[in-house]
Amino acid sequence: MRIAGAEDQEEMARILLAGFTGDPMLEWIFGREDFEARALGWLRRLVPAVMANGEGCIDELGRAAAIWANPGVAVGKTREGEAQNEYLLEALGARAEVVMGAMASLSRHRPAAPSSRHLVLIGAVPGARGSGVGDEALAILLERCAEDGSGVYLNSSNPRNHSFYERRGFRRLAEARMPDGGPLISPMWRDPEAPAAR
């Protein structure tokens, strides 16, 4: 696992697509019809937007990737983030206002800590789940946080992942139901002084 560069972004988008195929939140956003093309189009814009205002990491064997925003950054409000917002408006049509409003509403659960990173996405390809590559990706982020005393915020869209995060010092802040029959999202937070993985 290593810090990613701009040359890795296409591969990262494809890794995250594989990792999030079947994810309740992404399926709610893009639907099942043409899911792969629509989700990949979004990821190709999201990954560069986040990395322009944060960092990412990638497994050398293409098994896992993660992207996170630096403290004080709201990716959707940055110049780079406008491209992914425009894509969602075009791809989702009439549903865009509902989806983007629901996504934006999750930010109210984020603690008002001046030094906190946002783990936007972390994923492993299906064949690598349980192999420890997710831990390796998260460890790079947590090393960054240990260096400057920052916390980490994320939105967990899959209940099966809650225990993974909780064992690594995260706690659930709330539960937020997405509209129109959408999934239940759990905003989670890790304090800077949280213990290492148990």
N, C-alpha and C. Protein backbone atom coordinates (compact mmCIF):
# COMPACT_ATOMS: atom_id res chain seq x y z
N MET A 1 0.85 -1.19 0.00
CA MET A 1 0.00 0.00 0.00
C MET A 1 0.89 1.24 0.00
N ARG A 2 0.53 2.21 -0.83
CA ARG A 2 1.33 3.43 -0.92
C ARG A 2 0.42 4.62 -1.21
N ILE A 3 0.95 5.80 -0.96
CA ILE A 3 0.24 7.02 -1.32
C ILE A 3 0.12 7.07 -2.85
N ALA A 4 -1.06 7.43 -3.31
CA ALA A 4 -1.34 7.43 -4.74
C ALA A 4 -0.98 8.76 -5.38
N GLY A 5 -0.74 8.71 -6.69
CA GLY A 5 -0.50 9.91 -7.48
C GLY A 5 -1.55 10.05 -8.55
N ALA A 6 -1.44 11.14 -9.31
CA ALA A 6 -2.43 11.39 -10.36
C ALA A 6 -2.48 10.26 -11.38
N GLU A 7 -1.34 9.59 -11.59
CA GLU A 7 -1.29 8.51 -12.57
C GLU A 7 -2.08 7.28 -12.12
N ASP A 8 -2.46 7.23 -10.85
CA ASP A 8 -3.19 6.07 -10.31
C ASP A 8 -4.70 6.26 -10.32
N GLN A 9 -5.16 7.42 -10.68
CA GLN A 9 -6.57 7.75 -10.44
C GLN A 9 -7.55 6.90 -11.22
N GLU A 10 -7.23 6.56 -12.45
CA GLU A 10 -8.14 5.70 -13.22
C GLU A 10 -8.24 4.32 -12.59
N GLU A 11 -7.11 3.75 -12.18
CA GLU A 11 -7.14 2.45 -11.53
C GLU A 11 -7.88 2.53 -10.20
N MET A 12 -7.70 3.60 -9.46
CA MET A 12 -8.41 3.76 -8.20
C MET A 12 -9.91 3.81 -8.41
N ALA A 13 -10.35 4.53 -9.44
CA ALA A 13 -11.78 4.60 -9.74
C ALA A 13 -12.33 3.21 -10.02
N ARG A 14 -11.58 2.39 -10.75
CA ARG A 14 -12.04 1.05 -11.08
C ARG A 14 -12.03 0.12 -9.86
N ILE A 15 -11.02 0.27 -9.00
CA ILE A 15 -10.99 -0.52 -7.76
C ILE A 15 -12.18 -0.17 -6.89
N LEU A 16 -12.44 1.13 -6.74
CA LEU A 16 -13.57 1.55 -5.90
C LEU A 16 -14.90 1.13 -6.50
N LEU A 17 -15.00 1.14 -7.83
CA LEU A 17 -16.22 0.64 -8.46
C LEU A 17 -16.44 -0.82 -8.09
N ALA A 18 -15.39 -1.64 -8.20
CA ALA A 18 -15.52 -3.06 -7.83
C ALA A 18 -15.87 -3.21 -6.37
N GLY A 19 -15.25 -2.39 -5.53
CA GLY A 19 -15.51 -2.49 -4.10
C GLY A 19 -16.90 -2.05 -3.70
N PHE A 20 -17.50 -1.14 -4.47
CA PHE A 20 -18.81 -0.60 -4.10
C PHE A 20 -19.95 -1.12 -4.97
N THR A 21 -19.68 -2.04 -5.86
CA THR A 21 -20.78 -2.67 -6.60
C THR A 21 -21.62 -3.47 -5.60
N GLY A 22 -22.90 -3.19 -5.57
CA GLY A 22 -23.79 -3.81 -4.58
C GLY A 22 -23.94 -2.99 -3.32
N ASP A 23 -23.22 -1.88 -3.21
CA ASP A 23 -23.33 -1.02 -2.02
C ASP A 23 -24.69 -0.34 -2.00
N PRO A 24 -25.37 -0.33 -0.85
CA PRO A 24 -26.73 0.23 -0.80
C PRO A 24 -26.81 1.70 -1.22
N MET A 25 -25.83 2.50 -0.82
CA MET A 25 -25.89 3.92 -1.14
C MET A 25 -25.67 4.18 -2.63
N LEU A 26 -24.65 3.56 -3.20
CA LEU A 26 -24.39 3.80 -4.62
C LEU A 26 -25.50 3.25 -5.50
N GLU A 27 -26.09 2.11 -5.11
CA GLU A 27 -27.21 1.59 -5.89
C GLU A 27 -28.42 2.50 -5.78
N TRP A 28 -28.61 3.13 -4.62
CA TRP A 28 -29.71 4.08 -4.47
C TRP A 28 -29.46 5.31 -5.35
N ILE A 29 -28.21 5.76 -5.41
CA ILE A 29 -27.89 6.94 -6.21
C ILE A 29 -28.07 6.67 -7.70
N PHE A 30 -27.45 5.58 -8.18
CA PHE A 30 -27.36 5.36 -9.63
C PHE A 30 -28.35 4.34 -10.16
N GLY A 31 -28.99 3.56 -9.29
CA GLY A 31 -29.89 2.52 -9.76
C GLY A 31 -29.11 1.34 -10.31
N ARG A 32 -29.79 0.27 -10.62
CA ARG A 32 -29.11 -0.94 -11.11
C ARG A 32 -28.92 -0.94 -12.62
N GLU A 33 -29.77 -0.20 -13.31
CA GLU A 33 -29.64 -0.14 -14.77
C GLU A 33 -28.46 0.76 -15.12
N ASP A 34 -27.53 0.23 -15.90
CA ASP A 34 -26.32 0.98 -16.29
C ASP A 34 -25.52 1.44 -15.08
N PHE A 35 -25.61 0.67 -13.97
CA PHE A 35 -24.91 1.07 -12.74
C PHE A 35 -23.42 1.27 -12.98
N GLU A 36 -22.78 0.30 -13.61
CA GLU A 36 -21.33 0.35 -13.75
C GLU A 36 -20.87 1.59 -14.51
N ALA A 37 -21.50 1.89 -15.63
CA ALA A 37 -21.09 3.05 -16.43
C ALA A 37 -21.34 4.35 -15.68
N ARG A 38 -22.49 4.45 -15.04
CA ARG A 38 -22.84 5.70 -14.35
C ARG A 38 -21.98 5.91 -13.12
N ALA A 39 -21.79 4.85 -12.34
CA ALA A 39 -20.96 4.97 -11.12
C ALA A 39 -19.50 5.23 -11.47
N LEU A 40 -18.99 4.56 -12.50
CA LEU A 40 -17.61 4.79 -12.90
C LEU A 40 -17.41 6.22 -13.40
N GLY A 41 -18.38 6.73 -14.14
CA GLY A 41 -18.29 8.12 -14.59
C GLY A 41 -18.16 9.08 -13.42
N TRP A 42 -18.92 8.83 -12.38
CA TRP A 42 -18.85 9.67 -11.17
C TRP A 42 -17.51 9.50 -10.46
N LEU A 43 -17.06 8.27 -10.29
CA LEU A 43 -15.80 8.02 -9.60
C LEU A 43 -14.61 8.63 -10.34
N ARG A 44 -14.67 8.65 -11.66
CA ARG A 44 -13.60 9.27 -12.44
C ARG A 44 -13.50 10.77 -12.18
N ARG A 45 -14.55 11.36 -11.69
CA ARG A 45 -14.53 12.78 -11.33
C ARG A 45 -14.30 12.98 -9.84
N LEU A 46 -14.85 12.07 -9.04
CA LEU A 46 -14.71 12.21 -7.59
C LEU A 46 -13.28 11.98 -7.12
N VAL A 47 -12.62 10.94 -7.62
CA VAL A 47 -11.26 10.63 -7.15
C VAL A 47 -10.31 11.81 -7.37
N PRO A 48 -10.24 12.41 -8.56
CA PRO A 48 -9.35 13.57 -8.72
C PRO A 48 -9.77 14.76 -7.85
N ALA A 49 -11.09 14.95 -7.67
CA ALA A 49 -11.55 16.08 -6.86
C ALA A 49 -11.11 15.94 -5.42
N VAL A 50 -11.22 14.73 -4.87
CA VAL A 50 -10.80 14.51 -3.49
C VAL A 50 -9.29 14.63 -3.37
N MET A 51 -8.56 14.02 -4.29
CA MET A 51 -7.10 14.03 -4.19
C MET A 51 -6.51 15.42 -4.42
N ALA A 52 -7.22 16.27 -5.13
CA ALA A 52 -6.75 17.65 -5.29
C ALA A 52 -6.84 18.43 -3.99
N ASN A 53 -7.66 17.94 -3.07
CA ASN A 53 -7.87 18.60 -1.79
C ASN A 53 -7.62 17.64 -0.62
N GLY A 54 -6.83 16.61 -0.89
CA GLY A 54 -6.54 15.61 0.13
C GLY A 54 -5.53 14.62 -0.39
N GLU A 55 -5.77 13.34 -0.11
CA GLU A 55 -4.84 12.29 -0.53
C GLU A 55 -5.61 11.02 -0.83
N GLY A 56 -4.88 10.05 -1.32
CA GLY A 56 -5.42 8.72 -1.53
C GLY A 56 -4.30 7.71 -1.44
N CYS A 57 -4.68 6.46 -1.34
CA CYS A 57 -3.68 5.39 -1.35
C CYS A 57 -4.20 4.24 -2.20
N ILE A 58 -3.26 3.43 -2.68
CA ILE A 58 -3.61 2.33 -3.56
C ILE A 58 -2.70 1.15 -3.27
N ASP A 59 -3.28 -0.04 -3.34
CA ASP A 59 -2.52 -1.27 -3.18
C ASP A 59 -1.76 -1.55 -4.47
N GLU A 60 -0.51 -1.95 -4.33
CA GLU A 60 0.34 -2.19 -5.50
C GLU A 60 -0.23 -3.26 -6.43
N LEU A 61 -1.02 -4.18 -5.89
CA LEU A 61 -1.60 -5.25 -6.70
C LEU A 61 -3.02 -4.92 -7.18
N GLY A 62 -3.45 -3.69 -6.96
CA GLY A 62 -4.76 -3.29 -7.43
C GLY A 62 -5.91 -3.89 -6.66
N ARG A 63 -5.71 -4.17 -5.38
CA ARG A 63 -6.75 -4.83 -4.58
C ARG A 63 -7.59 -3.87 -3.75
N ALA A 64 -7.06 -2.68 -3.46
CA ALA A 64 -7.79 -1.76 -2.58
C ALA A 64 -7.33 -0.34 -2.84
N ALA A 65 -8.19 0.61 -2.48
CA ALA A 65 -7.87 2.03 -2.61
C ALA A 65 -8.71 2.81 -1.60
N ALA A 66 -8.24 3.99 -1.29
CA ALA A 66 -8.98 4.89 -0.40
C ALA A 66 -8.68 6.32 -0.79
N ILE A 67 -9.65 7.22 -0.55
CA ILE A 67 -9.46 8.65 -0.79
C ILE A 67 -10.01 9.41 0.41
N TRP A 68 -9.30 10.47 0.81
CA TRP A 68 -9.77 11.28 1.93
C TRP A 68 -9.45 12.75 1.69
N ALA A 69 -10.30 13.62 2.25
CA ALA A 69 -10.12 15.06 2.15
C ALA A 69 -9.36 15.56 3.37
N ASN A 70 -8.54 16.57 3.14
CA ASN A 70 -7.77 17.18 4.22
C ASN A 70 -8.66 17.99 5.17
N PRO A 71 -8.16 18.30 6.36
CA PRO A 71 -8.94 19.12 7.30
C PRO A 71 -9.41 20.43 6.67
N GLY A 72 -10.65 20.78 6.98
CA GLY A 72 -11.20 22.04 6.52
C GLY A 72 -11.72 22.05 5.11
N VAL A 73 -11.72 20.89 4.42
CA VAL A 73 -12.13 20.84 3.02
C VAL A 73 -13.51 20.19 2.88
N ALA A 74 -14.41 20.88 2.19
CA ALA A 74 -15.68 20.30 1.76
C ALA A 74 -15.56 20.10 0.26
N VAL A 75 -15.31 18.85 -0.17
CA VAL A 75 -14.94 18.60 -1.56
C VAL A 75 -15.96 19.14 -2.55
N GLY A 76 -17.24 18.96 -2.24
CA GLY A 76 -18.28 19.40 -3.16
C GLY A 76 -18.30 20.90 -3.40
N LYS A 77 -17.66 21.67 -2.51
CA LYS A 77 -17.65 23.12 -2.64
C LYS A 77 -16.35 23.65 -3.24
N THR A 78 -15.46 22.76 -3.63
CA THR A 78 -14.21 23.17 -4.24
C THR A 78 -14.37 23.29 -5.75
N ARG A 79 -13.42 23.94 -6.39
CA ARG A 79 -13.45 24.06 -7.85
C ARG A 79 -13.42 22.68 -8.49
N GLU A 80 -12.57 21.80 -7.97
CA GLU A 80 -12.47 20.45 -8.53
C GLU A 80 -13.74 19.65 -8.28
N GLY A 81 -14.39 19.91 -7.16
CA GLY A 81 -15.61 19.18 -6.83
C GLY A 81 -16.79 19.53 -7.72
N GLU A 82 -16.72 20.67 -8.38
CA GLU A 82 -17.82 21.08 -9.24
C GLU A 82 -18.02 20.10 -10.40
N ALA A 83 -16.94 19.46 -10.86
CA ALA A 83 -17.06 18.52 -11.98
C ALA A 83 -17.90 17.32 -11.60
N GLN A 84 -17.71 16.79 -10.39
CA GLN A 84 -18.52 15.64 -9.99
C GLN A 84 -19.96 16.08 -9.70
N ASN A 85 -20.16 17.29 -9.20
CA ASN A 85 -21.52 17.78 -9.01
C ASN A 85 -22.24 17.92 -10.34
N GLU A 86 -21.56 18.45 -11.34
CA GLU A 86 -22.16 18.61 -12.67
C GLU A 86 -22.49 17.27 -13.29
N TYR A 87 -21.61 16.28 -13.05
CA TYR A 87 -21.87 14.94 -13.58
C TYR A 87 -23.14 14.37 -12.95
N LEU A 88 -23.28 14.52 -11.64
CA LEU A 88 -24.47 13.99 -10.98
C LEU A 88 -25.74 14.65 -11.51
N LEU A 89 -25.68 15.96 -11.72
CA LEU A 89 -26.84 16.66 -12.26
C LEU A 89 -27.25 16.09 -13.61
N GLU A 90 -26.25 15.81 -14.44
CA GLU A 90 -26.53 15.28 -15.77
C GLU A 90 -26.97 13.82 -15.72
N ALA A 91 -26.27 13.02 -14.91
CA ALA A 91 -26.54 11.58 -14.89
C ALA A 91 -27.86 11.24 -14.20
N LEU A 92 -28.25 12.02 -13.20
CA LEU A 92 -29.42 11.67 -12.41
C LEU A 92 -30.69 12.37 -12.86
N GLY A 93 -30.55 13.42 -13.64
CA GLY A 93 -31.73 14.10 -14.14
C GLY A 93 -32.61 14.61 -13.01
N ALA A 94 -33.88 14.24 -13.06
CA ALA A 94 -34.85 14.75 -12.10
C ALA A 94 -34.54 14.33 -10.66
N ARG A 95 -33.81 13.23 -10.49
CA ARG A 95 -33.49 12.75 -9.13
C ARG A 95 -32.32 13.49 -8.51
N ALA A 96 -31.61 14.29 -9.28
CA ALA A 96 -30.37 14.91 -8.80
C ALA A 96 -30.60 15.77 -7.56
N GLU A 97 -31.66 16.55 -7.55
CA GLU A 97 -31.90 17.44 -6.42
C GLU A 97 -32.11 16.65 -5.13
N VAL A 98 -32.88 15.57 -5.21
CA VAL A 98 -33.13 14.75 -4.02
C VAL A 98 -31.84 14.09 -3.54
N VAL A 99 -31.11 13.48 -4.47
CA VAL A 99 -29.89 12.76 -4.11
C VAL A 99 -28.84 13.69 -3.55
N MET A 100 -28.58 14.80 -4.25
CA MET A 100 -27.53 15.70 -3.81
C MET A 100 -27.91 16.41 -2.51
N GLY A 101 -29.18 16.69 -2.34
CA GLY A 101 -29.63 17.28 -1.07
C GLY A 101 -29.46 16.32 0.09
N ALA A 102 -29.77 15.05 -0.15
CA ALA A 102 -29.62 14.04 0.90
C ALA A 102 -28.16 13.84 1.26
N MET A 103 -27.29 13.82 0.24
CA MET A 103 -25.87 13.67 0.50
C MET A 103 -25.32 14.86 1.29
N ALA A 104 -25.75 16.04 0.92
CA ALA A 104 -25.28 17.25 1.62
C ALA A 104 -25.77 17.28 3.06
N SER A 105 -26.97 16.73 3.30
CA SER A 105 -27.53 16.77 4.65
C SER A 105 -26.71 15.95 5.65
N LEU A 106 -25.95 14.99 5.15
CA LEU A 106 -25.14 14.17 6.06
C LEU A 106 -24.06 14.97 6.76
N SER A 107 -23.65 16.08 6.15
CA SER A 107 -22.55 16.87 6.72
C SER A 107 -22.92 17.47 8.07
N ARG A 108 -24.21 17.58 8.36
CA ARG A 108 -24.58 18.18 9.65
C ARG A 108 -24.19 17.29 10.83
N HIS A 109 -23.91 16.02 10.56
CA HIS A 109 -23.51 15.11 11.64
C HIS A 109 -22.01 15.18 11.92
N ARG A 110 -21.27 15.83 11.04
CA ARG A 110 -19.82 15.89 11.19
C ARG A 110 -19.46 16.80 12.37
N PRO A 111 -18.66 16.33 13.32
CA PRO A 111 -18.26 17.17 14.45
C PRO A 111 -17.56 18.44 13.97
N ALA A 112 -17.78 19.51 14.70
CA ALA A 112 -17.21 20.80 14.32
C ALA A 112 -15.76 20.91 14.79
N ALA A 113 -14.99 19.87 14.51
CA ALA A 113 -13.58 19.87 14.88
C ALA A 113 -12.79 20.53 13.77
N PRO A 114 -11.97 21.54 14.09
CA PRO A 114 -11.24 22.24 13.04
C PRO A 114 -10.24 21.35 12.31
N SER A 115 -9.73 20.33 13.00
CA SER A 115 -8.76 19.44 12.37
C SER A 115 -9.36 18.05 12.26
N SER A 116 -10.01 17.80 11.13
CA SER A 116 -10.58 16.48 10.90
C SER A 116 -10.53 16.16 9.42
N ARG A 117 -10.18 14.93 9.11
CA ARG A 117 -10.17 14.46 7.73
C ARG A 117 -11.47 13.73 7.45
N HIS A 118 -11.87 13.76 6.18
CA HIS A 118 -13.08 13.06 5.75
C HIS A 118 -12.66 11.88 4.89
N LEU A 119 -12.86 10.67 5.40
CA LEU A 119 -12.62 9.47 4.62
C LEU A 119 -13.80 9.32 3.67
N VAL A 120 -13.60 9.69 2.42
CA VAL A 120 -14.69 9.74 1.46
C VAL A 120 -15.06 8.33 0.99
N LEU A 121 -14.06 7.56 0.57
CA LEU A 121 -14.31 6.18 0.14
C LEU A 121 -13.11 5.31 0.47
N ILE A 122 -13.37 4.09 0.87
CA ILE A 122 -12.34 3.07 1.02
C ILE A 122 -12.97 1.77 0.55
N GLY A 123 -12.27 1.04 -0.30
CA GLY A 123 -12.87 -0.18 -0.83
C GLY A 123 -11.83 -1.17 -1.29
N ALA A 124 -12.22 -2.43 -1.26
CA ALA A 124 -11.38 -3.52 -1.75
C ALA A 124 -12.17 -4.32 -2.77
N VAL A 125 -11.47 -4.84 -3.77
CA VAL A 125 -12.14 -5.67 -4.76
C VAL A 125 -12.66 -6.93 -4.06
N PRO A 126 -13.73 -7.53 -4.56
CA PRO A 126 -14.35 -8.67 -3.85
C PRO A 126 -13.39 -9.77 -3.46
N GLY A 127 -12.47 -10.14 -4.33
CA GLY A 127 -11.56 -11.23 -4.03
C GLY A 127 -10.55 -10.94 -2.94
N ALA A 128 -10.41 -9.65 -2.56
CA ALA A 128 -9.41 -9.27 -1.55
C ALA A 128 -10.03 -8.96 -0.20
N ARG A 129 -11.34 -9.02 -0.09
CA ARG A 129 -11.98 -8.72 1.19
C ARG A 129 -11.57 -9.74 2.24
N GLY A 130 -11.25 -9.23 3.41
CA GLY A 130 -10.81 -10.10 4.49
C GLY A 130 -9.33 -10.41 4.47
N SER A 131 -8.61 -9.87 3.49
CA SER A 131 -7.18 -10.16 3.37
C SER A 131 -6.31 -9.19 4.14
N GLY A 132 -6.89 -8.13 4.66
CA GLY A 132 -6.12 -7.14 5.40
C GLY A 132 -5.76 -5.89 4.61
N VAL A 133 -6.10 -5.85 3.31
CA VAL A 133 -5.72 -4.67 2.53
C VAL A 133 -6.52 -3.44 2.94
N GLY A 134 -7.74 -3.64 3.41
CA GLY A 134 -8.52 -2.50 3.91
C GLY A 134 -7.86 -1.90 5.14
N ASP A 135 -7.35 -2.77 6.03
CA ASP A 135 -6.61 -2.30 7.20
C ASP A 135 -5.38 -1.50 6.78
N GLU A 136 -4.68 -1.99 5.77
CA GLU A 136 -3.47 -1.30 5.31
C GLU A 136 -3.80 0.09 4.78
N ALA A 137 -4.89 0.19 4.03
CA ALA A 137 -5.29 1.49 3.49
C ALA A 137 -5.68 2.44 4.62
N LEU A 138 -6.47 1.94 5.57
CA LEU A 138 -6.89 2.78 6.68
C LEU A 138 -5.70 3.19 7.53
N ALA A 139 -4.72 2.31 7.67
CA ALA A 139 -3.54 2.62 8.49
C ALA A 139 -2.78 3.82 7.96
N ILE A 140 -2.72 3.98 6.63
CA ILE A 140 -2.03 5.14 6.06
C ILE A 140 -2.74 6.42 6.47
N LEU A 141 -4.05 6.43 6.38
CA LEU A 141 -4.82 7.60 6.80
C LEU A 141 -4.61 7.87 8.29
N LEU A 142 -4.68 6.84 9.11
CA LEU A 142 -4.56 7.04 10.56
C LEU A 142 -3.16 7.51 10.95
N GLU A 143 -2.16 7.11 10.18
CA GLU A 143 -0.80 7.63 10.41
C GLU A 143 -0.78 9.14 10.19
N ARG A 144 -1.43 9.60 9.12
CA ARG A 144 -1.51 11.03 8.86
C ARG A 144 -2.19 11.76 10.03
N CYS A 145 -3.25 11.15 10.53
CA CYS A 145 -3.99 11.77 11.63
C CYS A 145 -3.16 11.81 12.91
N ALA A 146 -2.38 10.77 13.15
CA ALA A 146 -1.53 10.75 14.33
C ALA A 146 -0.46 11.82 14.26
N GLU A 147 0.00 12.13 13.06
CA GLU A 147 1.05 13.13 12.88
C GLU A 147 0.58 14.52 13.27
N ASP A 148 -0.69 14.85 12.96
CA ASP A 148 -1.14 16.22 13.23
C ASP A 148 -2.32 16.30 14.19
N GLY A 149 -2.67 15.17 14.81
CA GLY A 149 -3.73 15.18 15.82
C GLY A 149 -5.12 15.42 15.28
N SER A 150 -5.40 14.96 14.08
CA SER A 150 -6.73 15.16 13.49
C SER A 150 -7.61 13.94 13.68
N GLY A 151 -8.91 14.18 13.73
CA GLY A 151 -9.88 13.10 13.78
C GLY A 151 -10.28 12.69 12.37
N VAL A 152 -11.14 11.69 12.28
CA VAL A 152 -11.60 11.20 10.97
C VAL A 152 -13.12 11.05 11.00
N TYR A 153 -13.76 11.53 9.95
CA TYR A 153 -15.21 11.40 9.77
C TYR A 153 -15.47 10.56 8.53
N LEU A 154 -16.51 9.73 8.58
CA LEU A 154 -16.93 8.96 7.41
C LEU A 154 -18.42 8.69 7.47
N ASN A 155 -18.99 8.31 6.34
CA ASN A 155 -20.38 7.88 6.27
C ASN A 155 -20.39 6.42 5.86
N SER A 156 -20.82 5.55 6.76
CA SER A 156 -20.86 4.12 6.45
C SER A 156 -22.22 3.78 5.85
N SER A 157 -22.18 3.25 4.64
CA SER A 157 -23.42 2.96 3.92
C SER A 157 -23.79 1.48 3.95
N ASN A 158 -22.98 0.68 4.62
CA ASN A 158 -23.24 -0.76 4.65
C ASN A 158 -23.08 -1.28 6.08
N PRO A 159 -24.16 -1.77 6.69
CA PRO A 159 -24.08 -2.22 8.09
C PRO A 159 -23.01 -3.26 8.35
N ARG A 160 -22.66 -4.06 7.35
CA ARG A 160 -21.66 -5.10 7.60
C ARG A 160 -20.28 -4.52 7.84
N ASN A 161 -20.10 -3.23 7.52
CA ASN A 161 -18.80 -2.59 7.73
C ASN A 161 -18.67 -1.89 9.09
N HIS A 162 -19.76 -1.77 9.82
CA HIS A 162 -19.72 -1.03 11.07
C HIS A 162 -18.69 -1.60 12.04
N SER A 163 -18.69 -2.90 12.19
CA SER A 163 -17.78 -3.51 13.16
C SER A 163 -16.32 -3.30 12.75
N PHE A 164 -16.04 -3.30 11.45
CA PHE A 164 -14.68 -3.04 10.97
C PHE A 164 -14.20 -1.69 11.48
N TYR A 165 -15.04 -0.67 11.35
CA TYR A 165 -14.65 0.67 11.79
C TYR A 165 -14.63 0.77 13.32
N GLU A 166 -15.60 0.17 13.96
CA GLU A 166 -15.67 0.28 15.42
C GLU A 166 -14.46 -0.37 16.09
N ARG A 167 -13.97 -1.45 15.53
CA ARG A 167 -12.77 -2.08 16.09
C ARG A 167 -11.53 -1.20 15.93
N ARG A 168 -11.62 -0.21 15.07
CA ARG A 168 -10.49 0.68 14.82
C ARG A 168 -10.70 2.07 15.40
N GLY A 169 -11.59 2.16 16.37
CA GLY A 169 -11.75 3.39 17.13
C GLY A 169 -12.84 4.33 16.69
N PHE A 170 -13.62 3.96 15.67
CA PHE A 170 -14.72 4.81 15.23
C PHE A 170 -15.97 4.53 16.08
N ARG A 171 -16.81 5.53 16.18
CA ARG A 171 -18.10 5.36 16.85
C ARG A 171 -19.20 5.97 15.98
N ARG A 172 -20.37 5.38 16.06
CA ARG A 172 -21.49 5.88 15.27
C ARG A 172 -22.06 7.14 15.92
N LEU A 173 -22.33 8.14 15.10
CA LEU A 173 -22.87 9.40 15.59
C LEU A 173 -24.38 9.47 15.46
N ALA A 174 -24.92 8.84 14.45
CA ALA A 174 -26.35 8.94 14.16
C ALA A 174 -26.71 7.90 13.12
N GLU A 175 -27.98 7.85 12.78
CA GLU A 175 -28.46 7.07 11.65
C GLU A 175 -29.35 7.96 10.82
N ALA A 176 -29.10 8.02 9.54
CA ALA A 176 -29.85 8.91 8.65
C ALA A 176 -30.41 8.11 7.49
N ARG A 177 -31.72 8.11 7.37
CA ARG A 177 -32.38 7.40 6.27
C ARG A 177 -32.43 8.29 5.04
N MET A 178 -31.93 7.79 3.92
CA MET A 178 -32.03 8.51 2.68
C MET A 178 -33.48 8.46 2.17
N PRO A 179 -33.93 9.52 1.49
CA PRO A 179 -35.34 9.57 1.07
C PRO A 179 -35.66 8.58 -0.05
N ASP A 180 -36.94 8.49 -0.35
CA ASP A 180 -37.43 7.66 -1.45
C ASP A 180 -37.00 6.21 -1.33
N GLY A 181 -37.10 5.66 -0.13
CA GLY A 181 -36.74 4.26 0.08
C GLY A 181 -35.26 4.00 0.09
N GLY A 182 -34.47 5.04 0.35
CA GLY A 182 -33.02 4.88 0.35
C GLY A 182 -32.48 4.17 1.57
N PRO A 183 -31.17 3.91 1.58
CA PRO A 183 -30.57 3.15 2.67
C PRO A 183 -30.39 3.97 3.94
N LEU A 184 -30.07 3.27 5.00
CA LEU A 184 -29.76 3.90 6.28
C LEU A 184 -28.25 4.13 6.33
N ILE A 185 -27.85 5.38 6.50
CA ILE A 185 -26.44 5.75 6.53
C ILE A 185 -26.03 6.04 7.98
N SER A 186 -24.85 5.58 8.35
CA SER A 186 -24.33 5.81 9.70
C SER A 186 -23.10 6.70 9.64
N PRO A 187 -23.24 8.00 9.94
CA PRO A 187 -22.06 8.84 10.08
C PRO A 187 -21.23 8.34 11.27
N MET A 188 -19.92 8.30 11.11
CA MET A 188 -19.04 7.78 12.15
C MET A 188 -17.86 8.73 12.34
N TRP A 189 -17.30 8.69 13.55
CA TRP A 189 -16.23 9.61 13.93
C TRP A 189 -15.17 8.86 14.73
N ARG A 190 -13.92 9.22 14.47
CA ARG A 190 -12.80 8.68 15.25
C ARG A 190 -12.05 9.84 15.86
N ASP A 191 -12.00 9.88 17.18
CA ASP A 191 -11.27 10.93 17.89
C ASP A 191 -9.77 10.78 17.63
N PRO A 192 -9.04 11.89 17.69
CA PRO A 192 -7.58 11.80 17.47
C PRO A 192 -6.89 10.87 18.45
N GLU A 193 -7.42 10.79 19.66
CA GLU A 193 -6.77 9.96 20.68
C GLU A 193 -7.36 8.55 20.76
N ALA A 194 -8.18 8.17 19.77
CA ALA A 194 -8.78 6.84 19.80
C ALA A 194 -7.71 5.75 19.76
N PRO A 195 -7.97 4.62 20.43
CA PRO A 195 -6.98 3.55 20.44
C PRO A 195 -6.82 2.90 19.08
N ALA A 196 -5.73 2.18 18.91
CA ALA A 196 -5.48 1.44 17.66
C ALA A 196 -6.46 0.29 17.54
N ALA A 197 -6.39 -0.42 16.43
CA ALA A 197 -7.32 -1.52 16.15
C ALA A 197 -7.25 -2.56 17.24
N ARG A 198 -8.44 -3.13 17.56
CA ARG A 198 -8.53 -4.17 18.59
C ARG A 198 -8.70 -5.53 17.91
